[in-house]
Amino acid sequence: MTRGIGFAVAALVFVIDQVTKLLVVRALGVDLAFVQTLIHQKLGLDGLNHVHEVLPIFDLRFVANIGVSLGLFAANSDATRWMLVLLTSAIAIGVFVWMFRERKLPEICALGMVLGGALGNILDRARLGFVVDFADLHFGTWRPFLVFNVADAAITIGVLILLIRALLVRDKADGDSPAAVENEVNA
């Protein structure tokens, strides 16, 4: 039952990620086939300027991300693109196995967020050759984050939950009750 919740979280993140990408691409009038052609022919994307201001601190801005986190490891060829797909798929399989073995619901939900986000970005990279990023949070010209998407946010939040719980939350061992702990201390 608990793992089912984790898989439901992963499915929900995946669906929300894919739907928001589709809606934003349509709203900004982005021709994904044209973007794929520019990337494949290595013509660059500098001329593309698909931006819509939502709030003074938040824009919808289309970015075709051919790299991974922070734009690192750019997939400039089909070979590197598929290597990134394989690498991120291997990581997603590791998260899946971890989620299957995990027993604590908060960790399972966090792993579901990571898995759903990873699968959303893997699908983009396999289908399009790049990941669609669109969320641009900024304060004037200062941008504390690169342009991101729902999958990136879910992965980040999931990892933060896992780190916080690993560092700050100490679960009681089975059989530990206040009386048992008190008796241990007073013995």
Protein backbone atom coordinates (compact mmCIF):
# COMPACT_ATOMS: atom_id res chain seq x y z
CA MET A 1 0.00 0.00 0.00
CA THR A 2 2.74 2.48 0.97
CA ARG A 3 4.71 1.82 -2.21
CA GLY A 4 1.52 2.33 -4.19
CA ILE A 5 1.38 5.87 -2.81
CA GLY A 6 4.96 6.43 -4.00
CA PHE A 7 4.12 5.18 -7.49
CA ALA A 8 1.00 7.38 -7.51
CA VAL A 9 3.17 10.38 -6.60
CA ALA A 10 5.56 9.47 -9.45
CA ALA A 11 2.68 9.13 -11.92
CA LEU A 12 1.15 12.43 -10.78
CA VAL A 13 4.46 14.30 -11.11
CA PHE A 14 5.04 12.75 -14.56
CA VAL A 15 1.57 13.71 -15.84
CA ILE A 16 1.69 17.25 -14.43
CA ASP A 17 5.16 17.73 -15.91
CA GLN A 18 4.17 16.56 -19.38
CA VAL A 19 0.87 18.48 -19.42
CA THR A 20 2.48 21.75 -18.27
CA LYS A 21 5.21 21.41 -20.92
CA LEU A 22 2.59 20.82 -23.62
CA LEU A 23 0.49 23.77 -22.47
CA VAL A 24 3.44 26.16 -22.23
CA VAL A 25 4.86 25.13 -25.62
CA ARG A 26 1.45 25.74 -27.20
CA ALA A 27 0.86 29.01 -25.36
CA LEU A 28 4.26 30.36 -26.42
CA GLY A 29 3.79 29.19 -30.02
CA VAL A 30 6.92 27.04 -30.06
CA ASP A 31 7.39 24.78 -33.09
CA LEU A 32 9.17 21.80 -31.54
CA ALA A 33 10.00 20.27 -34.95
CA PHE A 34 11.75 23.52 -35.92
CA VAL A 35 13.69 23.53 -32.63
CA GLN A 36 14.73 19.90 -33.23
CA THR A 37 15.98 20.86 -36.71
CA LEU A 38 18.03 23.76 -35.32
CA ILE A 39 19.61 21.52 -32.70
CA HIS A 40 20.24 18.63 -35.10
CA GLN A 41 21.89 20.95 -37.64
CA LYS A 42 23.80 22.71 -34.83
CA LEU A 43 22.51 26.12 -35.91
CA GLY A 44 21.98 27.38 -32.36
CA LEU A 45 18.87 28.63 -30.62
CA ASP A 46 19.89 32.24 -30.07
CA GLY A 47 17.20 33.60 -32.39
CA LEU A 48 14.37 31.94 -30.48
CA ASN A 49 12.68 34.30 -28.08
CA HIS A 50 9.53 32.68 -26.74
CA VAL A 51 8.76 34.55 -23.50
CA HIS A 52 5.55 35.55 -21.74
CA GLU A 53 5.62 37.59 -18.53
CA VAL A 54 3.21 36.13 -15.99
CA LEU A 55 4.29 38.20 -12.98
CA PRO A 56 7.02 40.81 -12.54
CA ILE A 57 9.15 38.05 -10.99
CA PHE A 58 8.05 35.07 -13.13
CA ASP A 59 8.13 34.47 -16.88
CA LEU A 60 7.25 31.55 -19.07
CA ARG A 61 10.39 31.24 -21.17
CA PHE A 62 10.98 28.35 -23.58
CA VAL A 63 14.42 26.77 -23.27
CA ALA A 64 15.51 23.63 -25.11
CA ASN A 65 17.90 22.13 -22.55
CA ILE A 66 20.30 19.72 -24.24
CA GLY A 67 22.30 19.23 -21.04
CA VAL A 68 21.50 17.95 -17.58
CA SER A 69 21.50 19.80 -14.26
CA LEU A 70 22.72 23.36 -14.60
CA GLY A 71 23.29 22.80 -18.33
CA LEU A 72 26.22 20.47 -17.66
CA PHE A 73 27.13 17.61 -20.00
CA ALA A 74 25.51 19.05 -23.11
CA ALA A 75 24.35 16.37 -25.52
CA ASN A 76 25.72 17.87 -28.73
CA SER A 77 25.32 14.68 -30.75
CA ASP A 78 22.92 11.78 -31.02
CA ALA A 79 25.47 9.56 -29.27
CA THR A 80 25.73 11.84 -26.22
CA ARG A 81 21.96 12.35 -26.22
CA TRP A 82 21.36 8.60 -25.96
CA MET A 83 24.17 8.22 -23.43
CA LEU A 84 22.37 10.78 -21.25
CA VAL A 85 19.10 8.88 -21.74
CA LEU A 86 20.83 5.66 -20.64
CA LEU A 87 22.57 7.32 -17.68
CA THR A 88 19.42 9.03 -16.41
CA SER A 89 17.42 5.83 -17.00
CA ALA A 90 19.93 3.89 -14.88
CA ILE A 91 19.56 6.48 -12.12
CA ALA A 92 15.75 6.24 -12.39
CA ILE A 93 15.99 2.44 -12.07
CA GLY A 94 18.11 2.93 -8.94
CA VAL A 95 15.48 5.28 -7.50
CA PHE A 96 12.77 2.72 -8.37
CA VAL A 97 14.65 -0.05 -6.55
CA TRP A 98 15.29 2.23 -3.56
CA MET A 99 11.60 3.16 -3.46
CA PHE A 100 10.62 -0.50 -3.59
CA ARG A 101 12.87 -1.31 -0.61
CA GLU A 102 12.04 1.80 1.44
CA ARG A 103 9.53 1.40 4.28
CA LYS A 104 8.95 4.97 5.45
CA LEU A 105 6.15 6.88 3.74
CA PRO A 106 7.86 10.32 3.62
CA GLU A 107 10.91 8.81 1.92
CA ILE A 108 8.72 6.81 -0.47
CA CYS A 109 6.82 9.97 -1.46
CA ALA A 110 10.08 11.89 -1.92
CA LEU A 111 11.47 9.07 -4.07
CA GLY A 112 8.22 9.13 -6.06
CA MET A 113 8.80 12.82 -6.76
CA VAL A 114 12.33 12.10 -7.95
CA LEU A 115 11.21 9.15 -10.08
CA GLY A 116 8.30 11.01 -11.69
CA GLY A 117 10.51 14.00 -12.48
CA ALA A 118 13.27 11.83 -13.90
CA LEU A 119 10.83 9.95 -16.13
CA GLY A 120 9.36 13.23 -17.43
CA ASN A 121 12.77 14.56 -18.42
CA ILE A 122 13.87 11.20 -19.85
CA LEU A 123 10.78 11.12 -22.08
CA ASP A 124 11.53 14.64 -23.35
CA ARG A 125 15.15 13.81 -24.13
CA ALA A 126 14.25 10.51 -25.87
CA ARG A 127 11.35 12.01 -27.84
CA LEU A 128 12.67 15.48 -28.66
CA GLY A 129 16.43 15.37 -28.14
CA PHE A 130 16.19 18.01 -25.39
CA VAL A 131 14.28 18.75 -22.20
CA VAL A 132 11.63 21.48 -22.32
CA ASP A 133 12.29 24.04 -19.57
CA PHE A 134 9.98 27.02 -19.10
CA ALA A 135 9.76 28.39 -15.55
CA ASP A 136 11.88 31.53 -15.14
CA LEU A 137 11.90 32.96 -11.62
CA HIS A 138 13.77 36.25 -11.40
CA PHE A 139 14.08 39.41 -9.36
CA GLY A 140 14.93 42.13 -11.84
CA THR A 141 17.94 40.82 -13.72
CA TRP A 142 18.96 38.48 -10.89
CA ARG A 143 17.97 34.87 -11.55
CA PRO A 144 18.57 32.61 -8.54
CA PHE A 145 17.73 29.55 -10.65
CA LEU A 146 18.18 28.52 -14.23
CA VAL A 147 14.99 28.12 -16.25
CA PHE A 148 13.38 24.89 -15.02
CA ASN A 149 10.26 22.72 -15.32
CA VAL A 150 7.93 20.75 -13.03
CA ALA A 151 10.15 17.65 -13.25
CA ASP A 152 13.22 19.63 -12.13
CA ALA A 153 11.27 21.14 -9.22
CA ALA A 154 9.95 17.72 -8.14
CA ILE A 155 13.43 16.17 -8.29
CA THR A 156 14.91 19.03 -6.27
CA ILE A 157 12.16 18.97 -3.63
CA GLY A 158 12.31 15.17 -3.39
CA VAL A 159 16.08 15.19 -2.90
CA LEU A 160 15.80 17.97 -0.28
CA ILE A 161 13.20 15.96 1.65
CA LEU A 162 15.47 12.91 1.57
CA LEU A 163 18.47 14.95 2.76
CA ILE A 164 16.57 16.71 5.53
CA ARG A 165 15.10 13.46 6.79
CA ALA A 166 18.48 11.71 6.62
CA LEU A 167 20.22 14.50 8.54
CA LEU A 168 17.59 15.71 10.98
CA VAL A 169 14.95 13.05 11.56
CA ARG A 170 15.80 10.20 13.86
CA ASP A 171 13.15 7.51 13.80
CA LYS A 172 12.64 5.39 16.88
CA ALA A 173 13.87 1.84 16.63
CA ASP A 174 11.25 -0.88 16.88
CA GLY A 175 10.30 -1.50 20.47
CA ASP A 176 11.56 1.87 21.69
CA SER A 177 9.02 3.42 23.97
CA PRO A 178 9.52 6.21 26.47
CA ALA A 179 9.43 3.65 29.31
CA ALA A 180 12.02 1.41 27.62
CA VAL A 181 14.33 4.35 26.99
CA GLU A 182 13.90 5.55 30.57
CA ASN A 183 14.71 2.09 31.94
CA GLU A 184 17.82 1.95 29.74
CA VAL A 185 18.99 5.33 31.04
CA ASN A 186 18.31 4.46 34.68
CA ALA A 187 19.87 1.00 34.54
